[in-house]
Amino acid sequence: MKGLVIEGPQKVTLKEVPTPKPGSGEVMVRVRAAGVCGTDVHIYHGEFIASYPLIPGHEFA
């Protein structure tokens, strides 16, 4: 699957990432859209401490 990856402050790439495998008692949900929230913007600009690389978009639909 494709994922938008924040590699570091103001460095973003779109690349193939492994499809996660749900564990016991978990499910996989198809996400059609993900919003970019304020936290994602601050991480992109390097204003929040983050462990790079990371895939933003915890607000999804």
PDB file of N, CA and C in Angstrom:
ATOM      1  N   MET A   1       0.844  -1.167   0.000  1.00  0.00           N
ATOM      2  CA  MET A   1       0.000   0.000   0.000  1.00  0.00           C
ATOM      3  C   MET A   1       0.889   1.229   0.000  1.00  0.00           C
ATOM      4  N   LYS A   2       0.325   2.343  -0.412  1.00  0.00           N
ATOM      5  CA  LYS A   2       1.092   3.589  -0.432  1.00  0.00           C
ATOM      6  C   LYS A   2       0.863   4.355   0.864  1.00  0.00           C
ATOM      7  N   GLY A   3       1.896   4.998   1.323  1.00  0.00           N
ATOM      8  CA  GLY A   3       1.796   5.807   2.524  1.00  0.00           C
ATOM      9  C   GLY A   3       2.585   7.090   2.368  1.00  0.00           C
ATOM     10  N   LEU A   4       2.065   8.163   2.919  1.00  0.00           N
ATOM     11  CA  LEU A   4       2.781   9.430   2.968  1.00  0.00           C
ATOM     12  C   LEU A   4       3.649   9.375   4.218  1.00  0.00           C
ATOM     13  N   VAL A   5       4.949   9.443   4.038  1.00  0.00           N
ATOM     14  CA  VAL A   5       5.876   9.258   5.144  1.00  0.00           C
ATOM     15  C   VAL A   5       6.608  10.569   5.419  1.00  0.00           C
ATOM     16  N   ILE A   6       6.531  11.017   6.665  1.00  0.00           N
ATOM     17  CA  ILE A   6       7.331  12.170   7.082  1.00  0.00           C
ATOM     18  C   ILE A   6       8.682  11.610   7.507  1.00  0.00           C
ATOM     19  N   GLU A   7       9.718  11.920   6.719  1.00  0.00           N
ATOM     20  CA  GLU A   7      11.064  11.390   6.961  1.00  0.00           C
ATOM     21  C   GLU A   7      11.835  12.245   7.966  1.00  0.00           C
ATOM     22  N   GLY A   8      11.432  13.496   8.093  1.00  0.00           N
ATOM     23  CA  GLY A   8      12.078  14.454   8.979  1.00  0.00           C
ATOM     24  C   GLY A   8      11.388  15.789   8.787  1.00  0.00           C
ATOM     25  N   PRO A   9      11.818  16.815   9.518  1.00  0.00           N
ATOM     26  CA  PRO A   9      11.183  18.122   9.359  1.00  0.00           C
ATOM     27  C   PRO A   9      11.185  18.584   7.900  1.00  0.00           C
ATOM     28  N   GLN A  10       9.998  18.864   7.389  1.00  0.00           N
ATOM     29  CA  GLN A  10       9.760  19.360   6.036  1.00  0.00           C
ATOM     30  C   GLN A  10      10.292  18.425   4.949  1.00  0.00           C
ATOM     31  N   LYS A  11      10.331  17.124   5.242  1.00  0.00           N
ATOM     32  CA  LYS A  11      10.740  16.127   4.246  1.00  0.00           C
ATOM     33  C   LYS A  11       9.684  15.024   4.207  1.00  0.00           C
ATOM     34  N   VAL A  12       8.909  15.005   3.107  1.00  0.00           N
ATOM     35  CA  VAL A  12       7.805  14.057   2.960  1.00  0.00           C
ATOM     36  C   VAL A  12       7.994  13.273   1.669  1.00  0.00           C
ATOM     37  N   THR A  13       7.723  11.965   1.727  1.00  0.00           N
ATOM     38  CA  THR A  13       7.764  11.137   0.528  1.00  0.00           C
ATOM     39  C   THR A  13       6.522  10.258   0.486  1.00  0.00           C
ATOM     40  N   LEU A  14       6.077   9.950  -0.719  1.00  0.00           N
ATOM     41  CA  LEU A  14       4.988   8.998  -0.928  1.00  0.00           C
ATOM     42  C   LEU A  14       5.641   7.712  -1.393  1.00  0.00           C
ATOM     43  N   LYS A  15       5.456   6.628  -0.633  1.00  0.00           N
ATOM     44  CA  LYS A  15       6.123   5.389  -1.008  1.00  0.00           C
ATOM     45  C   LYS A  15       5.311   4.173  -0.599  1.00  0.00           C
ATOM     46  N   GLU A  16       5.724   3.043  -1.120  1.00  0.00           N
ATOM     47  CA  GLU A  16       5.107   1.777  -0.748  1.00  0.00           C
ATOM     48  C   GLU A  16       5.535   1.436   0.673  1.00  0.00           C
ATOM     49  N   VAL A  17       4.567   1.069   1.497  1.00  0.00           N
ATOM     50  CA  VAL A  17       4.841   0.646   2.868  1.00  0.00           C
ATOM     51  C   VAL A  17       4.157  -0.698   3.083  1.00  0.00           C
ATOM     52  N   PRO A  18       4.656  -1.519   3.996  1.00  0.00           N
ATOM     53  CA  PRO A  18       4.041  -2.824   4.222  1.00  0.00           C
ATOM     54  C   PRO A  18       2.601  -2.688   4.722  1.00  0.00           C
ATOM     55  N   THR A  19       1.737  -3.556   4.236  1.00  0.00           N
ATOM     56  CA  THR A  19       0.359  -3.602   4.730  1.00  0.00           C
ATOM     57  C   THR A  19       0.379  -4.262   6.102  1.00  0.00           C
ATOM     58  N   PRO A  20      -0.164  -3.603   7.122  1.00  0.00           N
ATOM     59  CA  PRO A  20      -0.146  -4.200   8.463  1.00  0.00           C
ATOM     60  C   PRO A  20      -1.001  -5.460   8.526  1.00  0.00           C
ATOM     61  N   LYS A  21      -0.593  -6.382   9.354  1.00  0.00           N
ATOM     62  CA  LYS A  21      -1.347  -7.615   9.581  1.00  0.00           C
ATOM     63  C   LYS A  21      -1.975  -7.536  10.968  1.00  0.00           C
ATOM     64  N   PRO A  22      -3.316  -7.607  11.050  1.00  0.00           N
ATOM     65  CA  PRO A  22      -3.956  -7.532  12.371  1.00  0.00           C
ATOM     66  C   PRO A  22      -3.593  -8.735  13.232  1.00  0.00           C
ATOM     67  N   GLY A  23      -3.405  -8.463  14.501  1.00  0.00           N
ATOM     68  CA  GLY A  23      -3.118  -9.520  15.453  1.00  0.00           C
ATOM     69  C   GLY A  23      -4.407 -10.097  16.021  1.00  0.00           C
ATOM     70  N   SER A  24      -4.270 -10.970  16.976  1.00  0.00           N
ATOM     71  CA  SER A  24      -5.418 -11.602  17.618  1.00  0.00           C
ATOM     72  C   SER A  24      -6.296 -10.540  18.283  1.00  0.00           C
ATOM     73  N   GLY A  25      -7.591 -10.571  17.991  1.00  0.00           N
ATOM     74  CA  GLY A  25      -8.525  -9.617  18.571  1.00  0.00           C
ATOM     75  C   GLY A  25      -8.508  -8.251  17.899  1.00  0.00           C
ATOM     76  N   GLU A  26      -7.784  -8.112  16.783  1.00  0.00           N
ATOM     77  CA  GLU A  26      -7.716  -6.846  16.052  1.00  0.00           C
ATOM     78  C   GLU A  26      -8.384  -6.993  14.691  1.00  0.00           C
ATOM     79  N   VAL A  27      -8.719  -5.884  14.078  1.00  0.00           N
ATOM     80  CA  VAL A  27      -9.296  -5.882  12.732  1.00  0.00           C
ATOM     81  C   VAL A  27      -8.559  -4.848  11.884  1.00  0.00           C
ATOM     82  N   MET A  28      -8.618  -5.020  10.566  1.00  0.00           N
ATOM     83  CA  MET A  28      -8.079  -4.019   9.656  1.00  0.00           C
ATOM     84  C   MET A  28      -9.252  -3.258   9.071  1.00  0.00           C
ATOM     85  N   VAL A  29      -9.154  -1.941   9.046  1.00  0.00           N
ATOM     86  CA  VAL A  29     -10.219  -1.078   8.552  1.00  0.00           C
ATOM     87  C   VAL A  29      -9.729  -0.385   7.282  1.00  0.00           C
ATOM     88  N   ARG A  30     -10.555  -0.406   6.233  1.00  0.00           N
ATOM     89  CA  ARG A  30     -10.193   0.300   4.999  1.00  0.00           C
ATOM     90  C   ARG A  30     -10.420   1.794   5.213  1.00  0.00           C
ATOM     91  N   VAL A  31      -9.387   2.567   5.006  1.00  0.00           N
ATOM     92  CA  VAL A  31      -9.469   4.019   5.164  1.00  0.00           C
ATOM     93  C   VAL A  31      -9.586   4.646   3.783  1.00  0.00           C
ATOM     94  N   ARG A  32     -10.619   5.424   3.589  1.00  0.00           N
ATOM     95  CA  ARG A  32     -10.829   6.091   2.302  1.00  0.00           C
ATOM     96  C   ARG A  32     -10.235   7.496   2.289  1.00  0.00           C
ATOM     97  N   ALA A  33     -10.138   8.119   3.441  1.00  0.00           N
ATOM     98  CA  ALA A  33      -9.587   9.471   3.522  1.00  0.00           C
ATOM     99  C   ALA A  33      -9.015   9.691   4.919  1.00  0.00           C
ATOM    100  N   ALA A  34      -7.976  10.497   4.987  1.00  0.00           N
ATOM    101  CA  ALA A  34      -7.390  10.862   6.277  1.00  0.00           C
ATOM    102  C   ALA A  34      -7.132  12.360   6.277  1.00  0.00           C
ATOM    103  N   GLY A  35      -7.535  12.998   7.342  1.00  0.00           N
ATOM    104  CA  GLY A  35      -7.321  14.435   7.449  1.00  0.00           C
ATOM    105  C   GLY A  35      -5.938  14.748   7.996  1.00  0.00           C
ATOM    106  N   VAL A  36      -5.470  15.919   7.686  1.00  0.00           N
ATOM    107  CA  VAL A  36      -4.221  16.409   8.251  1.00  0.00           C
ATOM    108  C   VAL A  36      -4.610  17.357   9.377  1.00  0.00           C
ATOM    109  N   CYS A  37      -4.264  16.994  10.597  1.00  0.00           N
ATOM    110  CA  CYS A  37      -4.648  17.822  11.740  1.00  0.00           C
ATOM    111  C   CYS A  37      -3.479  18.705  12.165  1.00  0.00           C
ATOM    112  N   GLY A  38      -3.724  19.521  13.150  1.00  0.00           N
ATOM    113  CA  GLY A  38      -2.695  20.434  13.637  1.00  0.00           C
ATOM    114  C   GLY A  38      -1.449  19.720  14.124  1.00  0.00           C
ATOM    115  N   THR A  39      -1.621  18.579  14.779  1.00  0.00           N
ATOM    116  CA  THR A  39      -0.470  17.814  15.256  1.00  0.00           C
ATOM    117  C   THR A  39       0.418  17.400  14.093  1.00  0.00           C
ATOM    118  N   ASP A  40      -0.197  16.905  13.007  1.00  0.00           N
ATOM    119  CA  ASP A  40       0.569  16.495  11.827  1.00  0.00           C
ATOM    120  C   ASP A  40       1.366  17.664  11.255  1.00  0.00           C
ATOM    121  N   VAL A  41       0.764  18.838  11.210  1.00  0.00           N
ATOM    122  CA  VAL A  41       1.442  20.027  10.673  1.00  0.00           C
ATOM    123  C   VAL A  41       2.638  20.397  11.550  1.00  0.00           C
ATOM    124  N   HIS A  42       2.462  20.362  12.868  1.00  0.00           N
ATOM    125  CA  HIS A  42       3.568  20.681  13.777  1.00  0.00           C
ATOM    126  C   HIS A  42       4.699  19.661  13.645  1.00  0.00           C
ATOM    127  N   ILE A  43       4.359  18.390  13.497  1.00  0.00           N
ATOM    128  CA  ILE A  43       5.384  17.355  13.309  1.00  0.00           C
ATOM    129  C   ILE A  43       6.125  17.598  12.004  1.00  0.00           C
ATOM    130  N   TYR A  44       5.397  17.914  10.936  1.00  0.00           N
ATOM    131  CA  TYR A  44       6.017  18.196   9.640  1.00  0.00           C
ATOM    132  C   TYR A  44       7.023  19.347   9.743  1.00  0.00           C
ATOM    133  N   HIS A  45       6.661  20.386  10.473  1.00  0.00           N
ATOM    134  CA  HIS A  45       7.538  21.553  10.605  1.00  0.00           C
ATOM    135  C   HIS A  45       8.647  21.346  11.643  1.00  0.00           C
ATOM    136  N   GLY A  46       8.649  20.203  12.339  1.00  0.00           N
ATOM    137  CA  GLY A  46       9.675  19.938  13.337  1.00  0.00           C
ATOM    138  C   GLY A  46       9.430  20.640  14.652  1.00  0.00           C
ATOM    139  N   GLU A  47       8.201  21.103  14.874  1.00  0.00           N
ATOM    140  CA  GLU A  47       7.866  21.841  16.093  1.00  0.00           C
ATOM    141  C   GLU A  47       7.476  20.921  17.249  1.00  0.00           C
ATOM    142  N   PHE A  48       7.120  19.682  16.959  1.00  0.00           N
ATOM    143  CA  PHE A  48       6.841  18.674  17.983  1.00  0.00           C
ATOM    144  C   PHE A  48       7.904  17.593  17.867  1.00  0.00           C
ATOM    145  N   ILE A  49       8.317  17.045  18.985  1.00  0.00           N
ATOM    146  CA  ILE A  49       9.277  15.947  18.970  1.00  0.00           C
ATOM    147  C   ILE A  49       8.575  14.705  18.432  1.00  0.00           C
ATOM    148  N   ALA A  50       9.197  14.070  17.453  1.00  0.00           N
ATOM    149  CA  ALA A  50       8.625  12.865  16.855  1.00  0.00           C
ATOM    150  C   ALA A  50       9.747  11.905  16.508  1.00  0.00           C
ATOM    151  N   SER A  51       9.422  10.629  16.459  1.00  0.00           N
ATOM    152  CA  SER A  51      10.370   9.615  15.998  1.00  0.00           C
ATOM    153  C   SER A  51      10.144   9.429  14.511  1.00  0.00           C
ATOM    154  N   TYR A  52      11.054   9.942  13.713  1.00  0.00           N
ATOM    155  CA  TYR A  52      10.956   9.814  12.263  1.00  0.00           C
ATOM    156  C   TYR A  52      11.584   8.498  11.833  1.00  0.00           C
ATOM    157  N   PRO A  53      11.138   7.901  10.749  1.00  0.00           N
ATOM    158  CA  PRO A  53      10.016   8.274   9.892  1.00  0.00           C
ATOM    159  C   PRO A  53       8.688   7.909  10.547  1.00  0.00           C
ATOM    160  N   LEU A  54       7.630   8.596  10.133  1.00  0.00           N
ATOM    161  CA  LEU A  54       6.295   8.276  10.632  1.00  0.00           C
ATOM    162  C   LEU A  54       5.260   8.562   9.557  1.00  0.00           C
ATOM    163  N   ILE A  55       4.141   7.867   9.659  1.00  0.00           N
ATOM    164  CA  ILE A  55       3.027   8.061   8.736  1.00  0.00           C
ATOM    165  C   ILE A  55       1.946   8.824   9.492  1.00  0.00           C
ATOM    166  N   PRO A  56       1.640  10.066   9.072  1.00  0.00           N
ATOM    167  CA  PRO A  56       0.620  10.855   9.764  1.00  0.00           C
ATOM    168  C   PRO A  56      -0.787  10.407   9.364  1.00  0.00           C
ATOM    169  N   GLY A  57      -1.777  11.007   9.988  1.00  0.00           N
ATOM    170  CA  GLY A  57      -3.160  10.754   9.576  1.00  0.00           C
ATOM    171  C   GLY A  57      -3.949   9.908  10.549  1.00  0.00           C
ATOM    172  N   HIS A  58      -3.944  10.271  11.822  1.00  0.00           N
ATOM    173  CA  HIS A  58      -4.708   9.497  12.807  1.00  0.00           C
ATOM    174  C   HIS A  58      -6.187   9.887  12.833  1.00  0.00           C
ATOM    175  N   GLU A  59      -6.577  10.876  12.030  1.00  0.00           N
ATOM    176  CA  GLU A  59      -7.992  11.262  11.919  1.00  0.00           C
ATOM    177  C   GLU A  59      -8.484  10.808  10.552  1.00  0.00           C
ATOM    178  N   PHE A  60      -9.124   9.651  10.520  1.00  0.00           N
ATOM    179  CA  PHE A  60      -9.490   9.055   9.236  1.00  0.00           C
ATOM    180  C   PHE A  60     -10.978   8.813   9.107  1.00  0.00           C
ATOM    181  N   ALA A  61     -11.414   8.544   7.872  1.00  0.00           N
ATOM    182  CA  ALA A  61     -12.824   8.282   7.584  1.00  0.00           C
ATOM    183  C   ALA A  61     -12.951   7.081   6.667  1.00  0.00           C
TER     184      ALA A  61
END
